[in-house]
N, C-alpha and C. Protein backbone atom coordinates (compact mmCIF):
# COMPACT_ATOMS: atom_id res chain seq x y z
N MET A 1 6.36 -61.13 -53.95
CA MET A 1 7.41 -61.67 -53.11
C MET A 1 8.52 -60.65 -52.99
N LEU A 2 9.55 -61.01 -52.29
CA LEU A 2 10.63 -60.07 -52.01
C LEU A 2 11.63 -59.99 -53.14
N LYS A 3 12.18 -58.83 -53.30
CA LYS A 3 13.20 -58.60 -54.30
C LYS A 3 14.57 -58.77 -53.66
N GLU A 4 15.42 -59.57 -54.31
CA GLU A 4 16.79 -59.74 -53.83
C GLU A 4 17.57 -58.47 -54.14
N CYS A 5 18.39 -58.05 -53.19
CA CYS A 5 19.17 -56.82 -53.34
C CYS A 5 20.68 -57.09 -53.28
N GLY A 6 21.09 -58.32 -53.56
CA GLY A 6 22.51 -58.64 -53.58
C GLY A 6 22.97 -59.29 -52.29
N SER A 7 24.26 -59.25 -52.09
CA SER A 7 24.83 -59.81 -50.88
C SER A 7 26.01 -58.96 -50.45
N ARG A 8 26.41 -59.16 -49.20
CA ARG A 8 27.59 -58.47 -48.69
C ARG A 8 28.10 -59.21 -47.47
N ARG A 9 29.32 -58.91 -47.12
CA ARG A 9 29.92 -59.48 -45.90
C ARG A 9 29.76 -58.45 -44.79
N VAL A 10 29.25 -58.90 -43.66
CA VAL A 10 29.02 -58.02 -42.51
C VAL A 10 29.46 -58.73 -41.24
N SER A 11 29.71 -57.96 -40.21
CA SER A 11 30.03 -58.53 -38.91
C SER A 11 28.79 -59.22 -38.35
N LEU A 12 29.00 -60.35 -37.72
CA LEU A 12 27.89 -61.08 -37.09
C LEU A 12 27.12 -60.21 -36.11
N SER A 13 27.83 -59.33 -35.44
CA SER A 13 27.18 -58.48 -34.43
C SER A 13 26.12 -57.56 -35.04
N ARG A 14 26.17 -57.35 -36.35
CA ARG A 14 25.18 -56.49 -37.02
C ARG A 14 23.89 -57.23 -37.37
N VAL A 15 23.87 -58.54 -37.28
CA VAL A 15 22.71 -59.32 -37.72
C VAL A 15 21.91 -59.78 -36.51
N GLU A 16 20.62 -59.49 -36.55
CA GLU A 16 19.68 -59.90 -35.51
C GLU A 16 18.51 -60.61 -36.17
N VAL A 17 17.82 -61.42 -35.41
CA VAL A 17 16.58 -62.03 -35.91
C VAL A 17 15.54 -60.91 -36.02
N SER A 18 14.76 -60.94 -37.08
CA SER A 18 13.75 -59.91 -37.29
C SER A 18 12.86 -59.75 -36.07
N ARG A 19 12.68 -58.53 -35.66
CA ARG A 19 11.83 -58.26 -34.48
C ARG A 19 10.35 -58.47 -34.79
N TYR A 20 10.02 -58.61 -36.07
CA TYR A 20 8.62 -58.83 -36.45
C TYR A 20 8.24 -60.30 -36.55
N LEU A 21 9.20 -61.20 -36.36
CA LEU A 21 8.85 -62.61 -36.34
C LEU A 21 8.21 -62.93 -35.00
N SER A 22 7.07 -63.57 -35.04
CA SER A 22 6.40 -63.92 -33.78
C SER A 22 7.22 -65.00 -33.06
N PRO A 23 7.10 -65.07 -31.74
CA PRO A 23 7.82 -66.13 -31.01
C PRO A 23 7.45 -67.53 -31.51
N GLN A 24 6.19 -67.73 -31.87
CA GLN A 24 5.75 -69.04 -32.37
C GLN A 24 6.47 -69.41 -33.66
N VAL A 25 6.54 -68.48 -34.61
CA VAL A 25 7.21 -68.75 -35.88
C VAL A 25 8.71 -68.89 -35.66
N ARG A 26 9.29 -68.09 -34.80
CA ARG A 26 10.72 -68.19 -34.50
C ARG A 26 11.05 -69.58 -33.96
N ARG A 27 10.23 -70.07 -33.01
CA ARG A 27 10.45 -71.41 -32.45
C ARG A 27 10.33 -72.47 -33.54
N LEU A 28 9.33 -72.32 -34.39
CA LEU A 28 9.12 -73.29 -35.46
C LEU A 28 10.32 -73.33 -36.40
N LEU A 29 10.81 -72.17 -36.80
CA LEU A 29 11.93 -72.12 -37.74
C LEU A 29 13.21 -72.70 -37.15
N LEU A 30 13.33 -72.68 -35.85
CA LEU A 30 14.51 -73.24 -35.19
C LEU A 30 14.31 -74.70 -34.78
N ALA A 31 13.14 -75.26 -35.09
CA ALA A 31 12.83 -76.63 -34.70
C ALA A 31 13.26 -77.65 -35.75
N ARG A 32 13.88 -77.20 -36.82
CA ARG A 32 14.30 -78.12 -37.88
C ARG A 32 15.25 -79.15 -37.30
N PRO A 33 14.96 -80.44 -37.51
CA PRO A 33 15.83 -81.46 -36.94
C PRO A 33 17.17 -81.54 -37.68
N PRO A 34 18.28 -81.46 -36.97
CA PRO A 34 19.58 -81.57 -37.63
C PRO A 34 19.92 -83.04 -37.91
N PHE A 35 20.72 -83.27 -38.95
CA PHE A 35 21.19 -84.63 -39.20
C PHE A 35 22.29 -84.99 -38.21
N LEU A 36 23.17 -84.05 -37.95
CA LEU A 36 24.26 -84.26 -37.02
C LEU A 36 23.82 -83.79 -35.64
N GLU A 37 23.83 -84.69 -34.68
CA GLU A 37 23.33 -84.34 -33.36
C GLU A 37 24.22 -83.33 -32.63
N GLU A 38 25.50 -83.38 -32.87
CA GLU A 38 26.43 -82.51 -32.16
C GLU A 38 27.09 -81.54 -33.13
N ILE A 39 26.39 -80.46 -33.46
CA ILE A 39 26.93 -79.47 -34.38
C ILE A 39 28.26 -78.92 -33.88
N GLN A 40 28.41 -78.80 -32.56
CA GLN A 40 29.64 -78.25 -32.00
C GLN A 40 30.85 -79.11 -32.33
N ASP A 41 30.65 -80.35 -32.77
CA ASP A 41 31.78 -81.20 -33.15
C ASP A 41 32.34 -80.84 -34.52
N MET A 42 31.62 -80.05 -35.28
CA MET A 42 32.11 -79.65 -36.60
C MET A 42 33.24 -78.64 -36.45
N THR A 43 34.13 -78.65 -37.42
CA THR A 43 35.24 -77.71 -37.40
C THR A 43 34.77 -76.32 -37.81
N ASP A 44 35.54 -75.31 -37.45
CA ASP A 44 35.22 -73.94 -37.88
C ASP A 44 35.16 -73.87 -39.40
N GLU A 45 36.08 -74.55 -40.06
CA GLU A 45 36.12 -74.53 -41.53
C GLU A 45 34.84 -75.11 -42.12
N ALA A 46 34.36 -76.21 -41.55
CA ALA A 46 33.12 -76.83 -42.05
C ALA A 46 31.92 -75.92 -41.82
N LEU A 47 31.88 -75.26 -40.66
CA LEU A 47 30.77 -74.34 -40.38
C LEU A 47 30.82 -73.13 -41.30
N LYS A 48 32.01 -72.65 -41.61
CA LYS A 48 32.13 -71.52 -42.55
C LYS A 48 31.67 -71.94 -43.94
N ALA A 49 31.98 -73.18 -44.33
CA ALA A 49 31.51 -73.69 -45.64
C ALA A 49 29.98 -73.75 -45.65
N TYR A 50 29.39 -74.19 -44.55
CA TYR A 50 27.93 -74.24 -44.44
C TYR A 50 27.33 -72.83 -44.58
N LEU A 51 27.94 -71.86 -43.90
CA LEU A 51 27.44 -70.48 -43.96
C LEU A 51 27.57 -69.89 -45.36
N MET A 52 28.61 -70.28 -46.10
CA MET A 52 28.74 -69.79 -47.48
C MET A 52 27.61 -70.35 -48.34
N GLN A 53 27.21 -71.59 -48.06
CA GLN A 53 26.15 -72.22 -48.84
C GLN A 53 24.76 -71.77 -48.44
N HIS A 54 24.61 -71.36 -47.17
CA HIS A 54 23.30 -71.00 -46.64
C HIS A 54 23.40 -69.68 -45.86
N PRO A 55 23.68 -68.59 -46.56
CA PRO A 55 23.83 -67.32 -45.84
C PRO A 55 22.50 -66.86 -45.25
N PRO A 56 22.56 -66.21 -44.10
CA PRO A 56 21.33 -65.62 -43.55
C PRO A 56 20.72 -64.66 -44.57
N VAL A 57 19.41 -64.69 -44.69
CA VAL A 57 18.68 -63.77 -45.57
C VAL A 57 18.20 -62.63 -44.68
N VAL A 58 18.63 -61.41 -45.01
CA VAL A 58 18.39 -60.27 -44.13
C VAL A 58 17.80 -59.09 -44.91
N TYR A 59 17.24 -58.16 -44.16
CA TYR A 59 16.79 -56.90 -44.73
C TYR A 59 17.24 -55.78 -43.82
N GLU A 60 17.30 -54.59 -44.39
CA GLU A 60 17.65 -53.40 -43.62
C GLU A 60 16.37 -52.69 -43.21
N ALA A 61 16.44 -52.00 -42.08
CA ALA A 61 15.31 -51.16 -41.68
C ALA A 61 15.12 -50.09 -42.76
N LYS A 62 13.92 -49.59 -42.89
CA LYS A 62 13.60 -48.62 -43.95
C LYS A 62 14.54 -47.42 -43.96
N ARG A 63 14.83 -46.88 -42.80
CA ARG A 63 15.71 -45.70 -42.71
C ARG A 63 17.00 -46.07 -42.00
N SER A 64 17.69 -47.02 -42.58
CA SER A 64 18.88 -47.57 -41.94
C SER A 64 20.12 -46.73 -42.24
N ALA A 65 20.95 -46.56 -41.24
CA ALA A 65 22.25 -45.95 -41.41
C ALA A 65 23.28 -47.07 -41.42
N HIS A 66 24.44 -46.81 -42.01
CA HIS A 66 25.49 -47.83 -42.04
C HIS A 66 25.84 -48.20 -40.60
N GLY A 67 25.88 -49.47 -40.31
CA GLY A 67 26.17 -49.92 -38.96
C GLY A 67 24.93 -50.32 -38.18
N ASP A 68 23.74 -49.92 -38.67
CA ASP A 68 22.50 -50.35 -38.02
C ASP A 68 22.34 -51.86 -38.22
N PRO A 69 21.55 -52.49 -37.37
CA PRO A 69 21.39 -53.95 -37.52
C PRO A 69 20.69 -54.32 -38.82
N LEU A 70 21.01 -55.51 -39.27
CA LEU A 70 20.30 -56.15 -40.36
C LEU A 70 19.41 -57.21 -39.72
N PHE A 71 18.21 -57.40 -40.26
CA PHE A 71 17.24 -58.28 -39.64
C PHE A 71 17.07 -59.56 -40.45
N CYS A 72 17.33 -60.67 -39.82
CA CYS A 72 17.30 -61.99 -40.46
C CYS A 72 15.87 -62.53 -40.46
N LEU A 73 15.45 -63.06 -41.63
CA LEU A 73 14.13 -63.68 -41.70
C LEU A 73 14.18 -65.04 -42.37
N ALA A 74 15.35 -65.47 -42.83
CA ALA A 74 15.49 -66.82 -43.39
C ALA A 74 16.89 -67.33 -43.10
N ASN A 75 17.00 -68.64 -43.03
CA ASN A 75 18.24 -69.32 -42.65
C ASN A 75 18.63 -68.94 -41.22
N LEU A 76 17.65 -68.93 -40.35
CA LEU A 76 17.89 -68.62 -38.94
C LEU A 76 18.85 -69.60 -38.29
N ASN A 77 18.75 -70.89 -38.66
CA ASN A 77 19.68 -71.86 -38.08
C ASN A 77 21.13 -71.50 -38.39
N ALA A 78 21.39 -71.07 -39.61
CA ALA A 78 22.75 -70.67 -39.97
C ALA A 78 23.21 -69.50 -39.11
N LEU A 79 22.32 -68.55 -38.89
CA LEU A 79 22.66 -67.40 -38.05
C LEU A 79 22.94 -67.83 -36.61
N TYR A 80 22.09 -68.67 -36.05
CA TYR A 80 22.29 -69.12 -34.67
C TYR A 80 23.57 -69.94 -34.52
N ILE A 81 23.85 -70.79 -35.47
CA ILE A 81 25.08 -71.57 -35.43
C ILE A 81 26.28 -70.62 -35.45
N ALA A 82 26.25 -69.65 -36.34
CA ALA A 82 27.36 -68.69 -36.45
C ALA A 82 27.52 -67.90 -35.16
N LYS A 83 26.43 -67.41 -34.62
CA LYS A 83 26.52 -66.58 -33.40
C LYS A 83 26.98 -67.39 -32.18
N ASN A 84 26.65 -68.68 -32.17
CA ASN A 84 27.07 -69.53 -31.06
C ASN A 84 28.52 -70.01 -31.20
N ARG A 85 29.08 -69.91 -32.38
CA ARG A 85 30.42 -70.44 -32.61
C ARG A 85 31.48 -69.36 -32.79
N PHE A 86 31.11 -68.26 -33.44
CA PHE A 86 32.10 -67.26 -33.82
C PHE A 86 31.90 -65.96 -33.04
N HIS A 87 32.94 -65.15 -33.01
CA HIS A 87 32.88 -63.85 -32.35
C HIS A 87 32.04 -62.89 -33.19
N GLY A 88 31.47 -61.88 -32.54
CA GLY A 88 30.64 -60.90 -33.22
C GLY A 88 31.38 -60.13 -34.29
N SER A 89 32.69 -60.05 -34.18
CA SER A 89 33.47 -59.32 -35.18
C SER A 89 33.72 -60.14 -36.45
N GLU A 90 33.44 -61.45 -36.38
CA GLU A 90 33.62 -62.32 -37.55
C GLU A 90 32.67 -61.88 -38.66
N LYS A 91 33.19 -61.83 -39.88
CA LYS A 91 32.36 -61.41 -41.01
C LYS A 91 31.75 -62.63 -41.68
N VAL A 92 30.47 -62.50 -42.03
CA VAL A 92 29.76 -63.54 -42.76
C VAL A 92 29.04 -62.89 -43.95
N ARG A 93 28.84 -63.69 -44.97
CA ARG A 93 28.08 -63.22 -46.12
C ARG A 93 26.60 -63.34 -45.80
N VAL A 94 25.84 -62.33 -46.16
CA VAL A 94 24.39 -62.35 -46.01
C VAL A 94 23.76 -62.03 -47.36
N THR A 95 22.57 -62.53 -47.58
CA THR A 95 21.80 -62.18 -48.77
C THR A 95 20.81 -61.11 -48.34
N LEU A 96 20.83 -60.00 -49.06
CA LEU A 96 19.93 -58.88 -48.75
C LEU A 96 18.68 -58.96 -49.60
N VAL A 97 17.54 -58.70 -48.96
CA VAL A 97 16.26 -58.61 -49.66
C VAL A 97 15.58 -57.32 -49.21
N GLU A 98 14.58 -56.91 -49.97
CA GLU A 98 13.79 -55.76 -49.55
C GLU A 98 13.06 -56.09 -48.25
N ALA A 99 12.89 -55.10 -47.42
CA ALA A 99 12.16 -55.30 -46.16
C ALA A 99 10.70 -55.62 -46.48
N PRO A 100 10.18 -56.71 -45.91
CA PRO A 100 8.77 -57.01 -46.13
C PRO A 100 7.90 -56.10 -45.26
N PRO A 101 6.64 -55.90 -45.63
CA PRO A 101 5.75 -55.21 -44.70
C PRO A 101 5.74 -55.97 -43.38
N SER A 102 5.78 -55.28 -42.27
CA SER A 102 5.92 -55.94 -40.96
C SER A 102 4.86 -57.00 -40.73
N GLN A 103 3.63 -56.78 -41.18
CA GLN A 103 2.57 -57.75 -40.97
C GLN A 103 2.74 -59.01 -41.83
N GLN A 104 3.65 -58.98 -42.80
CA GLN A 104 3.89 -60.15 -43.65
C GLN A 104 5.19 -60.87 -43.32
N THR A 105 5.91 -60.42 -42.30
CA THR A 105 7.21 -61.01 -41.98
C THR A 105 7.10 -62.50 -41.68
N ASN A 106 6.13 -62.90 -40.87
CA ASN A 106 5.96 -64.33 -40.57
C ASN A 106 5.72 -65.13 -41.83
N ALA A 107 4.82 -64.67 -42.68
CA ALA A 107 4.49 -65.40 -43.91
C ALA A 107 5.70 -65.51 -44.83
N VAL A 108 6.46 -64.44 -44.97
CA VAL A 108 7.64 -64.46 -45.84
C VAL A 108 8.68 -65.44 -45.28
N ALA A 109 8.90 -65.42 -43.98
CA ALA A 109 9.86 -66.33 -43.36
C ALA A 109 9.42 -67.78 -43.55
N LEU A 110 8.13 -68.05 -43.37
CA LEU A 110 7.61 -69.40 -43.57
C LEU A 110 7.73 -69.83 -45.03
N PHE A 111 7.48 -68.91 -45.94
CA PHE A 111 7.63 -69.19 -47.38
C PHE A 111 9.06 -69.61 -47.68
N PHE A 112 10.03 -68.83 -47.19
CA PHE A 112 11.44 -69.18 -47.40
C PHE A 112 11.75 -70.57 -46.84
N ALA A 113 11.30 -70.84 -45.62
CA ALA A 113 11.59 -72.13 -44.98
C ALA A 113 10.97 -73.29 -45.74
N LEU A 114 9.72 -73.15 -46.11
CA LEU A 114 9.04 -74.24 -46.81
C LEU A 114 9.65 -74.48 -48.19
N SER A 115 9.99 -73.42 -48.90
CA SER A 115 10.61 -73.60 -50.22
C SER A 115 11.97 -74.28 -50.08
N ALA A 116 12.73 -73.94 -49.04
CA ALA A 116 14.03 -74.58 -48.83
C ALA A 116 13.85 -76.06 -48.48
N GLU A 117 12.93 -76.36 -47.58
CA GLU A 117 12.75 -77.74 -47.16
C GLU A 117 12.22 -78.61 -48.29
N ALA A 118 11.44 -78.03 -49.19
CA ALA A 118 10.94 -78.78 -50.33
C ALA A 118 12.08 -79.22 -51.24
N CYS A 119 13.18 -78.48 -51.23
CA CYS A 119 14.33 -78.81 -52.08
C CYS A 119 15.40 -79.63 -51.36
N HIS A 120 15.40 -79.64 -50.04
CA HIS A 120 16.39 -80.41 -49.28
C HIS A 120 16.01 -81.88 -49.26
N ALA A 121 17.00 -82.71 -49.09
CA ALA A 121 16.78 -84.15 -49.04
C ALA A 121 16.57 -84.59 -47.60
N LEU A 122 15.43 -84.26 -47.04
CA LEU A 122 15.11 -84.64 -45.67
C LEU A 122 14.26 -85.89 -45.67
N SER A 123 14.49 -86.73 -44.70
CA SER A 123 13.68 -87.92 -44.53
C SER A 123 12.32 -87.53 -43.95
N PRO A 124 11.22 -87.96 -44.57
CA PRO A 124 9.90 -87.66 -44.01
C PRO A 124 9.76 -88.18 -42.58
N ASN A 125 10.42 -89.29 -42.27
CA ASN A 125 10.35 -89.83 -40.90
C ASN A 125 10.96 -88.86 -39.90
N GLU A 126 11.99 -88.15 -40.30
CA GLU A 126 12.69 -87.23 -39.40
C GLU A 126 12.09 -85.83 -39.42
N ALA A 127 11.63 -85.39 -40.57
CA ALA A 127 11.22 -84.00 -40.71
C ALA A 127 9.73 -83.80 -41.01
N GLY A 128 8.96 -84.86 -41.01
CA GLY A 128 7.54 -84.76 -41.36
C GLY A 128 6.78 -83.77 -40.50
N HIS A 129 6.98 -83.83 -39.20
CA HIS A 129 6.26 -82.91 -38.31
C HIS A 129 6.69 -81.46 -38.57
N TYR A 130 7.97 -81.27 -38.87
CA TYR A 130 8.48 -79.92 -39.12
C TYR A 130 7.87 -79.33 -40.40
N VAL A 131 7.93 -80.05 -41.52
CA VAL A 131 7.39 -79.49 -42.76
C VAL A 131 5.87 -79.36 -42.69
N ALA A 132 5.21 -80.28 -41.99
CA ALA A 132 3.76 -80.15 -41.82
C ALA A 132 3.42 -78.92 -40.98
N ALA A 133 4.22 -78.64 -39.96
CA ALA A 133 4.00 -77.44 -39.15
C ALA A 133 4.23 -76.17 -39.98
N LEU A 134 5.24 -76.18 -40.85
CA LEU A 134 5.45 -75.03 -41.74
C LEU A 134 4.23 -74.82 -42.62
N TRP A 135 3.73 -75.91 -43.22
CA TRP A 135 2.56 -75.82 -44.09
C TRP A 135 1.35 -75.29 -43.32
N ASN A 136 1.11 -75.83 -42.12
CA ASN A 136 -0.04 -75.40 -41.32
C ASN A 136 0.04 -73.91 -40.98
N GLU A 137 1.22 -73.45 -40.57
CA GLU A 137 1.38 -72.04 -40.22
C GLU A 137 1.13 -71.14 -41.43
N LEU A 138 1.70 -71.51 -42.56
CA LEU A 138 1.53 -70.68 -43.75
C LEU A 138 0.08 -70.76 -44.25
N MET A 139 -0.54 -71.92 -44.14
CA MET A 139 -1.95 -72.06 -44.54
C MET A 139 -2.83 -71.16 -43.70
N SER A 140 -2.52 -71.03 -42.42
CA SER A 140 -3.37 -70.19 -41.56
C SER A 140 -3.03 -68.71 -41.71
N ASP A 141 -1.81 -68.38 -42.14
CA ASP A 141 -1.40 -66.98 -42.24
C ASP A 141 -1.64 -66.40 -43.63
N GLN A 142 -1.09 -67.04 -44.65
CA GLN A 142 -1.25 -66.57 -46.02
C GLN A 142 -1.25 -67.75 -46.98
N PRO A 143 -2.37 -68.42 -47.12
CA PRO A 143 -2.42 -69.64 -47.94
C PRO A 143 -2.03 -69.42 -49.40
N ALA A 144 -2.22 -68.24 -49.93
CA ALA A 144 -1.87 -68.00 -51.33
C ALA A 144 -0.37 -68.19 -51.57
N LEU A 145 0.45 -67.94 -50.56
CA LEU A 145 1.89 -68.11 -50.71
C LEU A 145 2.28 -69.57 -50.90
N LEU A 146 1.45 -70.49 -50.43
CA LEU A 146 1.74 -71.91 -50.63
C LEU A 146 1.80 -72.24 -52.12
N MET A 147 0.94 -71.62 -52.89
CA MET A 147 0.94 -71.85 -54.34
C MET A 147 2.20 -71.29 -55.00
N ASP A 148 2.83 -70.31 -54.35
CA ASP A 148 4.08 -69.78 -54.87
C ASP A 148 5.24 -70.76 -54.66
N VAL A 149 5.06 -71.72 -53.74
CA VAL A 149 6.08 -72.75 -53.53
C VAL A 149 5.83 -73.90 -54.51
N SER A 150 4.59 -74.40 -54.54
CA SER A 150 4.23 -75.48 -55.45
C SER A 150 2.71 -75.57 -55.54
N GLU A 151 2.22 -75.87 -56.73
CA GLU A 151 0.78 -76.06 -56.90
C GLU A 151 0.28 -77.24 -56.06
N ARG A 152 1.17 -78.17 -55.74
CA ARG A 152 0.78 -79.34 -54.95
C ARG A 152 0.60 -79.01 -53.48
N PHE A 153 0.90 -77.78 -53.07
CA PHE A 153 0.80 -77.40 -51.67
C PHE A 153 -0.53 -76.72 -51.35
N SER A 154 -1.50 -76.79 -52.28
CA SER A 154 -2.76 -76.08 -52.10
C SER A 154 -3.67 -76.71 -51.06
N ASN A 155 -3.50 -78.01 -50.79
CA ASN A 155 -4.29 -78.64 -49.74
C ASN A 155 -3.43 -79.69 -49.04
N LYS A 156 -3.91 -80.10 -47.89
CA LYS A 156 -3.13 -81.01 -47.04
C LYS A 156 -2.84 -82.35 -47.72
N THR A 157 -3.81 -82.88 -48.44
CA THR A 157 -3.63 -84.19 -49.06
C THR A 157 -2.52 -84.16 -50.10
N THR A 158 -2.56 -83.20 -51.02
CA THR A 158 -1.53 -83.16 -52.07
C THR A 158 -0.18 -82.74 -51.49
N PHE A 159 -0.18 -81.90 -50.44
CA PHE A 159 1.06 -81.54 -49.77
C PHE A 159 1.71 -82.78 -49.18
N CYS A 160 0.94 -83.55 -48.41
CA CYS A 160 1.48 -84.77 -47.79
C CYS A 160 1.95 -85.76 -48.85
N ASP A 161 1.19 -85.89 -49.94
CA ASP A 161 1.61 -86.77 -51.04
C ASP A 161 2.94 -86.33 -51.62
N ALA A 162 3.13 -85.03 -51.78
CA ALA A 162 4.37 -84.51 -52.36
C ALA A 162 5.59 -84.88 -51.52
N PHE A 163 5.42 -84.94 -50.20
CA PHE A 163 6.53 -85.28 -49.31
C PHE A 163 6.53 -86.76 -48.91
N GLY A 164 5.54 -87.51 -49.37
CA GLY A 164 5.46 -88.90 -48.98
C GLY A 164 5.05 -89.08 -47.52
N LEU A 165 4.22 -88.17 -47.02
CA LEU A 165 3.78 -88.21 -45.63
C LEU A 165 2.40 -88.81 -45.52
N ASN A 166 2.14 -89.48 -44.43
CA ASN A 166 0.81 -89.98 -44.13
C ASN A 166 -0.02 -88.81 -43.58
N ARG A 167 -0.98 -88.33 -44.34
CA ARG A 167 -1.72 -87.12 -43.95
C ARG A 167 -2.48 -87.30 -42.64
N ARG A 168 -2.83 -88.54 -42.29
CA ARG A 168 -3.56 -88.78 -41.04
C ARG A 168 -2.70 -88.50 -39.80
N LEU A 169 -1.37 -88.54 -39.98
CA LEU A 169 -0.46 -88.28 -38.86
C LEU A 169 -0.28 -86.77 -38.60
N TYR A 170 -0.66 -85.95 -39.58
CA TYR A 170 -0.39 -84.52 -39.46
C TYR A 170 -1.66 -83.71 -39.55
């Protein structure tokens, strides 16, 4: 798995979604159902508190110079919320990780998302399709990573049982 390399505050304009994430995985990661329907109703202070709790997880290009973009592969929703609300010069904290091999970027991003959702208090009625889609994508891309999240994620039946989902629906 990836090695954490610390954190730092950077301008939003320096952070981009990883170019190695496929459009399908990018859409899936942004499909997480929000609890609050109108995020824009939240105050700047509340959104900044959210970003402190869920900083974008980024990596640097292998031969990066200072000022080059950082590539986001986890907490994409936090990045999109920040970019839609704040100016590019606004500084946000990011968590830095080692750059994954480009062919593993989708799997690493899905691993991060599934591990986060397994710990969040989401209603299966609201998020069942989302977590099942994460499991399906990771199962088809790199099934061994599912075991790195939980031994119960090795097959569809135990995965659905872990989340209290009806496996016939997914």
